[in-house]
N, C-alpha and C. Protein backbone atom coordinates (compact mmCIF):
# COMPACT_ATOMS: atom_id res chain seq x y z
N UNK A 1 -14.91 -23.16 -15.95
CA UNK A 1 -13.90 -22.66 -16.86
C UNK A 1 -12.96 -22.18 -15.80
N UNK A 2 -11.92 -22.39 -15.80
CA UNK A 2 -10.53 -22.86 -15.01
C UNK A 2 -10.20 -21.79 -14.93
N UNK A 3 -9.73 -21.40 -13.62
CA UNK A 3 -9.02 -20.21 -12.75
C UNK A 3 -7.86 -19.73 -13.88
N UNK A 4 -7.35 -18.46 -14.38
CA UNK A 4 -6.50 -17.97 -14.80
C UNK A 4 -5.74 -16.99 -14.21
N UNK A 5 -4.52 -16.71 -14.27
CA UNK A 5 -4.21 -15.55 -14.08
C UNK A 5 -4.85 -14.08 -14.20
N UNK A 6 -5.27 -13.19 -13.22
CA UNK A 6 -5.63 -11.91 -13.19
C UNK A 6 -4.61 -11.55 -14.06
N UNK A 7 -5.43 -10.35 -14.99
CA UNK A 7 -4.50 -9.41 -15.93
C UNK A 7 -4.99 -7.95 -15.18
N UNK A 8 -4.35 -7.10 -15.28
CA UNK A 8 -4.23 -5.79 -14.59
C UNK A 8 -5.72 -5.18 -15.08
N UNK A 9 -6.25 -5.26 -16.33
CA UNK A 9 -7.27 -4.90 -16.70
C UNK A 9 -8.40 -5.44 -16.52
N UNK A 10 -8.55 -6.51 -15.88
CA UNK A 10 -9.66 -7.37 -15.20
C UNK A 10 -10.20 -6.63 -14.27
N UNK A 11 -11.62 -6.47 -14.13
CA UNK A 11 -12.45 -6.23 -12.96
C UNK A 11 -12.04 -6.80 -11.59
N UNK A 12 -12.33 -5.75 -10.68
CA UNK A 12 -12.06 -6.55 -9.39
C UNK A 12 -13.24 -7.01 -8.52
N UNK A 13 -13.53 -7.14 -7.62
CA UNK A 13 -15.17 -8.03 -7.39
C UNK A 13 -15.82 -6.65 -6.74
N UNK A 14 -14.94 -5.62 -6.15
CA UNK A 14 -15.92 -4.23 -5.80
C UNK A 14 -16.60 -4.02 -7.17
N UNK A 15 -15.70 -3.54 -8.45
CA UNK A 15 -16.39 -3.18 -9.50
C UNK A 15 -17.34 -3.82 -9.92
N UNK A 16 -16.80 -5.12 -9.97
CA UNK A 16 -18.03 -6.38 -11.04
C UNK A 16 -19.58 -6.44 -10.09
N UNK A 17 -19.27 -6.07 -8.59
CA UNK A 17 -20.35 -6.12 -7.63
C UNK A 17 -21.60 -4.62 -8.15
N UNK A 18 -20.75 -3.66 -8.70
CA UNK A 18 -21.46 -2.06 -8.81
C UNK A 18 -22.06 -2.75 -10.43
N UNK A 19 -21.48 -3.06 -11.50
CA UNK A 19 -22.11 -3.02 -12.96
C UNK A 19 -22.82 -4.56 -12.95
N UNK A 20 -22.44 -5.63 -12.32
CA UNK A 20 -23.50 -7.18 -12.37
C UNK A 20 -24.82 -6.58 -12.51
N UNK A 21 -25.45 -6.06 -11.45
CA UNK A 21 -27.05 -5.72 -11.34
C UNK A 21 -27.48 -5.34 -12.58
N UNK A 22 -26.62 -4.20 -13.68
CA UNK A 22 -26.95 -3.50 -14.48
C UNK A 22 -27.05 -4.62 -15.68
N UNK A 23 -25.78 -5.43 -15.67
CA UNK A 23 -25.23 -6.23 -17.24
C UNK A 23 -26.52 -7.55 -16.95
N UNK A 24 -26.98 -7.93 -15.51
CA UNK A 24 -27.54 -8.79 -15.50
C UNK A 24 -29.30 -8.68 -15.94
N UNK A 25 -29.43 -7.27 -15.55
CA UNK A 25 -31.18 -6.66 -15.90
C UNK A 25 -30.88 -6.22 -17.73
N UNK A 26 -29.80 -5.99 -17.89
CA UNK A 26 -29.57 -6.08 -19.49
C UNK A 26 -29.90 -7.45 -20.45
N UNK A 27 -29.16 -8.30 -19.76
CA UNK A 27 -29.74 -9.80 -20.74
C UNK A 27 -30.83 -9.93 -20.32
N UNK A 28 -31.35 -9.96 -19.43
CA UNK A 28 -32.61 -10.39 -18.95
C UNK A 28 -33.49 -9.60 -19.92
N UNK A 29 -33.34 -8.64 -20.63
CA UNK A 29 -34.52 -7.79 -21.01
C UNK A 29 -34.27 -8.10 -22.75
N UNK A 30 -32.66 -8.72 -23.22
CA UNK A 30 -32.43 -8.90 -24.33
C UNK A 30 -31.83 -10.56 -24.53
N UNK A 31 -32.80 -11.13 -24.36
CA UNK A 31 -32.84 -12.70 -24.10
C UNK A 31 -32.47 -12.90 -25.96
N UNK A 32 -31.82 -14.47 -25.74
CA UNK A 32 -31.68 -14.51 -27.50
C UNK A 32 -33.18 -15.36 -27.62
N UNK A 33 -33.29 -14.90 -28.72
CA UNK A 33 -34.59 -15.56 -29.82
C UNK A 33 -34.33 -16.78 -29.59
N UNK A 34 -33.13 -17.69 -29.63
CA UNK A 34 -32.92 -18.98 -29.73
C UNK A 34 -33.18 -19.67 -28.33
N UNK A 35 -33.07 -18.86 -27.43
CA UNK A 35 -33.08 -19.29 -26.10
C UNK A 35 -32.06 -19.43 -25.33
N UNK A 36 -30.90 -19.34 -26.15
CA UNK A 36 -29.49 -19.73 -25.92
C UNK A 36 -29.09 -18.73 -24.87
N UNK A 37 -28.44 -18.90 -24.00
CA UNK A 37 -27.92 -17.86 -22.91
C UNK A 37 -26.42 -17.45 -22.82
N UNK A 38 -25.59 -18.45 -23.49
CA UNK A 38 -24.05 -17.99 -23.71
C UNK A 38 -23.48 -18.98 -23.12
N UNK A 39 -22.16 -19.28 -23.59
CA UNK A 39 -21.56 -20.17 -22.87
C UNK A 39 -20.21 -19.20 -21.85
N UNK A 40 -20.44 -18.02 -21.75
CA UNK A 40 -19.11 -17.45 -21.15
C UNK A 40 -19.99 -16.50 -20.18
N UNK A 41 -18.98 -16.51 -18.95
CA UNK A 41 -19.46 -15.81 -17.72
C UNK A 41 -19.82 -13.83 -18.57
N UNK A 42 -20.29 -13.58 -18.36
CA UNK A 42 -20.52 -12.25 -18.47
C UNK A 42 -19.27 -11.33 -17.70
N UNK A 43 -18.93 -11.46 -16.76
CA UNK A 43 -17.94 -11.14 -15.91
C UNK A 43 -16.61 -11.28 -16.59
N UNK A 44 -16.34 -12.53 -16.95
CA UNK A 44 -15.03 -12.60 -18.63
C UNK A 44 -15.62 -12.01 -19.75
N UNK A 45 -16.31 -11.52 -20.27
CA UNK A 45 -16.82 -10.84 -21.38
C UNK A 45 -16.30 -9.89 -21.45
N UNK A 46 -16.51 -8.90 -20.26
CA UNK A 46 -16.23 -7.43 -19.98
C UNK A 46 -15.16 -7.45 -19.84
N UNK A 47 -14.32 -8.56 -19.06
CA UNK A 47 -12.91 -8.61 -18.89
C UNK A 47 -12.19 -8.48 -20.07
N UNK A 48 -13.06 -9.33 -21.41
CA UNK A 48 -12.33 -9.29 -22.50
C UNK A 48 -12.21 -7.85 -23.20
N UNK A 49 -13.36 -7.53 -23.18
CA UNK A 49 -13.61 -5.94 -23.83
C UNK A 49 -12.73 -4.87 -22.89
N UNK A 50 -12.85 -5.13 -21.42
CA UNK A 50 -11.44 -4.10 -20.67
C UNK A 50 -9.79 -4.65 -21.29
N UNK A 51 -9.65 -5.62 -21.71
CA UNK A 51 -8.23 -6.10 -21.89
C UNK A 51 -8.11 -5.44 -23.29
N UNK A 52 -8.90 -6.06 -24.20
CA UNK A 52 -8.59 -5.06 -25.56
C UNK A 52 -8.68 -3.69 -25.29
N UNK A 53 -9.23 -2.95 -24.99
CA UNK A 53 -9.45 -1.78 -24.98
C UNK A 53 -8.39 -1.10 -24.17
N UNK A 54 -7.82 -2.04 -23.21
CA UNK A 54 -6.33 -1.05 -22.70
C UNK A 54 -5.12 -1.51 -23.22
N UNK A 55 -5.13 -3.08 -23.88
CA UNK A 55 -3.62 -3.20 -24.48
C UNK A 55 -4.13 -2.48 -25.90
N UNK A 56 -5.14 -2.33 -26.55
CA UNK A 56 -5.29 -1.87 -27.62
C UNK A 56 -4.86 -3.25 -28.96
N UNK A 57 -4.90 -4.46 -28.18
CA UNK A 57 -4.34 -5.53 -29.24
C UNK A 57 -5.54 -6.18 -30.23
N UNK A 58 -5.17 -6.69 -31.17
CA UNK A 58 -6.22 -6.89 -32.07
C UNK A 58 -7.00 -8.11 -31.37
N UNK A 59 -8.65 -8.07 -31.78
CA UNK A 59 -9.59 -8.54 -31.42
C UNK A 59 -8.84 -10.32 -31.43
N UNK A 60 -8.46 -10.71 -32.63
CA UNK A 60 -7.95 -12.03 -32.50
C UNK A 60 -6.57 -11.92 -31.74
N UNK A 61 -5.99 -11.14 -31.37
CA UNK A 61 -5.08 -11.47 -30.35
C UNK A 61 -5.06 -11.80 -29.00
N UNK A 62 -6.83 -12.01 -28.64
CA UNK A 62 -7.01 -11.57 -26.96
C UNK A 62 -6.39 -12.86 -26.48
N UNK A 63 -5.88 -12.78 -25.36
CA UNK A 63 -5.44 -14.44 -24.58
C UNK A 63 -6.55 -15.25 -24.35
N UNK A 64 -5.90 -16.58 -24.81
CA UNK A 64 -6.36 -17.98 -24.20
C UNK A 64 -7.21 -17.80 -23.22
N UNK A 65 -6.78 -17.53 -22.25
CA UNK A 65 -7.77 -17.55 -20.87
C UNK A 65 -8.89 -16.81 -20.93
N UNK A 66 -9.24 -15.42 -22.17
CA UNK A 66 -10.52 -14.76 -21.88
C UNK A 66 -11.26 -15.74 -22.89
N UNK A 67 -12.71 -15.39 -23.02
CA UNK A 67 -13.72 -16.07 -24.12
C UNK A 67 -13.10 -15.26 -25.41
N UNK A 68 -13.32 -16.15 -26.62
CA UNK A 68 -13.00 -15.52 -27.96
C UNK A 68 -13.62 -14.66 -28.42
N UNK A 69 -12.90 -13.68 -29.13
CA UNK A 69 -13.26 -12.60 -30.06
C UNK A 69 -14.73 -12.24 -30.28
N UNK A 70 -15.15 -13.57 -30.65
CA UNK A 70 -16.60 -13.15 -31.30
C UNK A 70 -17.52 -13.30 -30.42
N UNK A 71 -17.43 -13.95 -29.21
CA UNK A 71 -17.85 -13.76 -28.00
C UNK A 71 -17.95 -12.35 -27.47
N UNK A 72 -17.11 -11.79 -27.22
CA UNK A 72 -16.75 -10.24 -26.50
C UNK A 72 -16.94 -9.43 -27.61
N UNK A 73 -17.12 -9.32 -28.85
CA UNK A 73 -17.45 -8.53 -29.91
C UNK A 73 -18.78 -8.12 -29.93
N UNK A 74 -19.71 -9.81 -30.26
CA UNK A 74 -21.21 -9.46 -29.84
C UNK A 74 -21.65 -8.94 -29.09
N UNK A 75 -21.36 -9.44 -27.87
CA UNK A 75 -21.81 -8.74 -26.58
C UNK A 75 -21.68 -6.92 -26.80
N UNK A 76 -20.40 -6.75 -27.04
CA UNK A 76 -20.29 -5.26 -27.26
C UNK A 76 -20.97 -4.62 -28.13
N UNK A 77 -21.32 -5.05 -29.69
CA UNK A 77 -22.31 -4.42 -30.39
C UNK A 77 -23.39 -4.57 -29.71
N UNK A 78 -24.18 -5.62 -28.99
CA UNK A 78 -25.31 -5.53 -28.83
C UNK A 78 -25.60 -4.24 -27.46
N UNK A 79 -24.50 -4.01 -26.62
CA UNK A 79 -24.49 -3.17 -25.88
C UNK A 79 -24.77 -1.79 -26.31
N UNK A 80 -23.77 -1.47 -27.43
CA UNK A 80 -23.85 0.04 -27.92
C UNK A 80 -25.13 -0.27 -29.05
N UNK A 81 -25.43 -1.08 -29.27
CA UNK A 81 -26.72 -0.47 -30.37
C UNK A 81 -27.99 -0.30 -29.39
N UNK A 82 -27.89 -0.85 -28.18
CA UNK A 82 -29.04 -1.13 -27.11
C UNK A 82 -28.75 0.53 -26.46
N UNK A 83 -27.91 0.90 -26.05
CA UNK A 83 -27.18 2.71 -25.68
C UNK A 83 -27.43 3.53 -26.64
N UNK A 84 -27.63 3.44 -27.71
CA UNK A 84 -27.68 4.25 -28.78
C UNK A 84 -28.91 4.41 -29.15
N UNK A 85 -29.80 3.37 -28.97
CA UNK A 85 -31.38 3.81 -29.21
C UNK A 85 -31.73 4.80 -28.04
């Protein structure tokens, strides 16, 4: 992935170091049936969700430097379902 200009909603390195182990553990417990591990970095997925939440923009209007709405929304739905159970 190419470097992009950070957005104010992006996780800092310190914030990412706190949640990375949780996300990695969650992802390891919820592997894809097809074995596909995803084309996007999980930190960028989280940054996409945070950007949408902070700005209130439509999912289709996420900036081009972030993963597409389909990847961000899919991961968000999976996490929500897991936490609700």
